[in-house]
Amino acid sequence: MSTIGNPRDFLILTNNPLVVSCMEGRGLYTIEFHPEKSYREILVMARDKVYGGHTLYTHPLSGSVKPNETPYKSVIVSMVPHGFDQQFAEIMSNAIGVCDKFVPCTRQYTQQVLEDFQLIDYTLLCGAIGFDAVAGLSNKK
């Protein structure tokens, strides 16, 4: 991963409504919210950005939750291309490969479990960029 840089260069790709609720409108981050996209589809979007020269700021497989266990994923890339990086491309390609190794989950989760998965993804994202997760939660829309 690239050293975390200027938050104004961050583009957060996410399907997690909690990320939007807690971080949007704070003036620091640009968020592309795709609630209809799957975990894998978020990875593919990030991969396409990285292949287009965007910097990868967060690891696509952060945390210990397996890709088939949670529907939520957030990845940060740069807002604009800074030049193609083979290492970032390999990380994204490998992450999608790992995701494809797991059998997709067809289980229906309760709302509480979905909210727990949202919180896990949100706190991993916050930890990676030094965003105060608790403050974000207290300002939740």
Protein backbone atom coordinates (compact mmCIF):
# COMPACT_ATOMS: atom_id res chain seq x y z
CA MET A 1 0.00 0.00 0.00
CA SER A 2 0.98 3.54 -0.48
CA THR A 3 1.71 5.69 2.53
CA ILE A 4 -1.51 7.36 3.48
CA GLY A 5 -1.43 10.77 1.92
CA ASN A 6 -3.68 13.77 1.72
CA PRO A 7 -7.30 12.90 2.62
CA ARG A 8 -8.48 15.19 -0.17
CA ASP A 9 -6.92 12.68 -2.58
CA PHE A 10 -8.96 9.81 -1.10
CA LEU A 11 -11.77 8.21 -3.06
CA ILE A 12 -13.63 5.75 -0.88
CA LEU A 13 -15.36 3.01 -2.88
CA THR A 14 -17.95 1.37 -0.66
CA ASN A 15 -21.23 -0.46 -0.46
CA ASN A 16 -21.44 0.18 3.29
CA PRO A 17 -24.17 2.64 4.33
CA LEU A 18 -22.48 3.23 7.70
CA VAL A 19 -19.39 4.65 5.97
CA VAL A 20 -21.60 7.13 4.15
CA SER A 21 -23.62 7.99 7.24
CA CYS A 22 -20.57 8.64 9.43
CA MET A 23 -18.06 10.12 6.98
CA GLU A 24 -19.93 11.92 4.22
CA GLY A 25 -20.24 15.65 4.50
CA ARG A 26 -17.23 16.02 6.79
CA GLY A 27 -15.36 17.86 4.02
CA LEU A 28 -12.40 15.48 3.92
CA TYR A 29 -13.36 12.47 1.88
CA THR A 30 -15.04 11.78 -1.42
CA ILE A 31 -17.24 8.72 -1.20
CA GLU A 32 -18.63 6.66 -4.07
CA PHE A 33 -21.51 4.76 -2.52
CA HIS A 34 -22.70 1.70 -4.43
CA PRO A 35 -25.32 -0.03 -2.24
CA GLU A 36 -26.29 -2.40 -5.05
CA LYS A 37 -22.74 -3.70 -5.52
CA SER A 38 -21.40 -6.86 -3.90
CA TYR A 39 -18.15 -7.21 -1.98
CA ARG A 40 -16.52 -8.61 -5.13
CA GLU A 41 -17.91 -5.86 -7.33
CA ILE A 42 -16.36 -3.23 -5.04
CA LEU A 43 -13.02 -5.04 -5.43
CA VAL A 44 -13.42 -5.04 -9.21
CA MET A 45 -14.18 -1.30 -9.18
CA ALA A 46 -11.04 -0.70 -7.11
CA ARG A 47 -9.01 -2.94 -9.41
CA ASP A 48 -10.18 -1.01 -12.46
CA LYS A 49 -9.14 2.27 -10.80
CA VAL A 50 -5.73 0.84 -9.88
CA TYR A 51 -5.24 -0.48 -13.43
CA GLY A 52 -6.05 3.06 -14.58
CA GLY A 53 -3.18 4.44 -12.47
CA HIS A 54 -4.96 5.32 -9.24
CA THR A 55 -2.97 4.78 -6.04
CA LEU A 56 -4.21 2.05 -3.69
CA TYR A 57 -4.33 3.44 -0.15
CA THR A 58 -5.97 0.57 1.76
CA HIS A 59 -5.55 -3.16 1.44
CA PRO A 60 -8.58 -4.77 -0.19
CA LEU A 61 -8.55 -7.74 2.21
CA SER A 62 -8.12 -5.91 5.51
CA GLY A 63 -9.38 -7.60 8.65
CA SER A 64 -10.05 -11.24 9.32
CA VAL A 65 -13.61 -11.42 7.99
CA LYS A 66 -13.68 -13.67 4.94
CA PRO A 67 -15.10 -12.22 1.71
CA ASN A 68 -18.00 -14.68 1.76
CA GLU A 69 -18.95 -13.82 5.34
CA THR A 70 -19.73 -10.14 4.91
CA PRO A 71 -21.54 -8.23 2.20
CA TYR A 72 -19.69 -4.95 2.95
CA LYS A 73 -16.41 -3.65 1.60
CA SER A 74 -14.70 -0.27 1.51
CA VAL A 75 -11.46 0.42 -0.35
CA ILE A 76 -9.62 3.72 -0.72
CA VAL A 77 -7.88 4.70 -3.93
CA SER A 78 -6.66 8.08 -5.12
CA MET A 79 -9.09 10.55 -6.65
CA VAL A 80 -6.90 10.94 -9.72
CA PRO A 81 -4.39 8.68 -11.44
CA HIS A 82 -0.80 9.06 -10.27
CA GLY A 83 0.69 6.42 -12.56
CA PHE A 84 0.33 2.67 -12.90
CA ASP A 85 1.90 0.62 -10.11
CA GLN A 86 2.45 -3.10 -10.77
CA GLN A 87 2.45 -3.94 -7.05
CA PHE A 88 -0.97 -2.35 -6.50
CA ALA A 89 -2.30 -4.16 -9.59
CA GLU A 90 -1.07 -7.50 -8.22
CA ILE A 91 -2.60 -6.82 -4.81
CA MET A 92 -5.98 -6.13 -6.40
CA SER A 93 -5.78 -9.12 -8.73
CA ASN A 94 -4.81 -11.41 -5.86
CA ALA A 95 -7.61 -10.04 -3.66
CA ILE A 96 -10.21 -10.84 -6.31
CA GLY A 97 -8.67 -14.30 -6.69
CA VAL A 98 -8.97 -14.89 -2.96
CA CYS A 99 -12.56 -13.68 -3.02
CA ASP A 100 -13.34 -16.10 -5.85
CA LYS A 101 -11.98 -19.06 -3.86
CA PHE A 102 -14.77 -18.75 -1.31
CA VAL A 103 -18.25 -20.08 -1.94
CA PRO A 104 -20.65 -17.13 -1.94
CA CYS A 105 -22.81 -16.92 1.15
CA THR A 106 -26.50 -17.38 0.48
CA ARG A 107 -27.56 -17.08 4.11
CA GLN A 108 -29.99 -14.32 5.05
CA TYR A 109 -28.61 -12.14 7.83
CA THR A 110 -30.69 -10.35 10.44
CA GLN A 111 -30.56 -6.56 10.49
CA GLN A 112 -28.41 -6.66 13.64
CA VAL A 113 -25.83 -8.93 11.98
CA LEU A 114 -25.75 -6.68 8.90
CA GLU A 115 -25.17 -3.67 11.17
CA ASP A 116 -22.34 -5.55 12.90
CA PHE A 117 -20.68 -6.24 9.53
CA GLN A 118 -21.10 -2.58 8.61
CA LEU A 119 -19.39 -1.57 11.85
CA ILE A 120 -16.48 -3.95 11.25
CA ASP A 121 -15.86 -2.59 7.76
CA TYR A 122 -16.23 1.00 8.96
CA THR A 123 -13.79 0.63 11.87
CA LEU A 124 -11.20 -1.11 9.66
CA LEU A 125 -11.45 1.77 7.21
CA CYS A 126 -11.18 4.37 9.97
CA GLY A 127 -8.16 2.64 11.48
CA ALA A 128 -6.36 2.65 8.16
CA ILE A 129 -6.70 6.40 7.65
CA GLY A 130 -6.69 7.67 11.23
CA PHE A 131 -10.32 8.80 11.17
CA ASP A 132 -11.91 8.90 14.63
CA ALA A 133 -14.48 6.13 14.28
CA VAL A 134 -16.21 6.99 17.55
CA ALA A 135 -16.58 10.65 16.59
CA GLY A 136 -17.96 9.57 13.23
CA LEU A 137 -20.50 7.32 14.92
CA SER A 138 -21.56 10.13 17.24
CA ASN A 139 -22.26 12.29 14.19
CA LYS A 140 -24.13 9.52 12.39
CA LYS A 141 -26.95 10.85 10.24
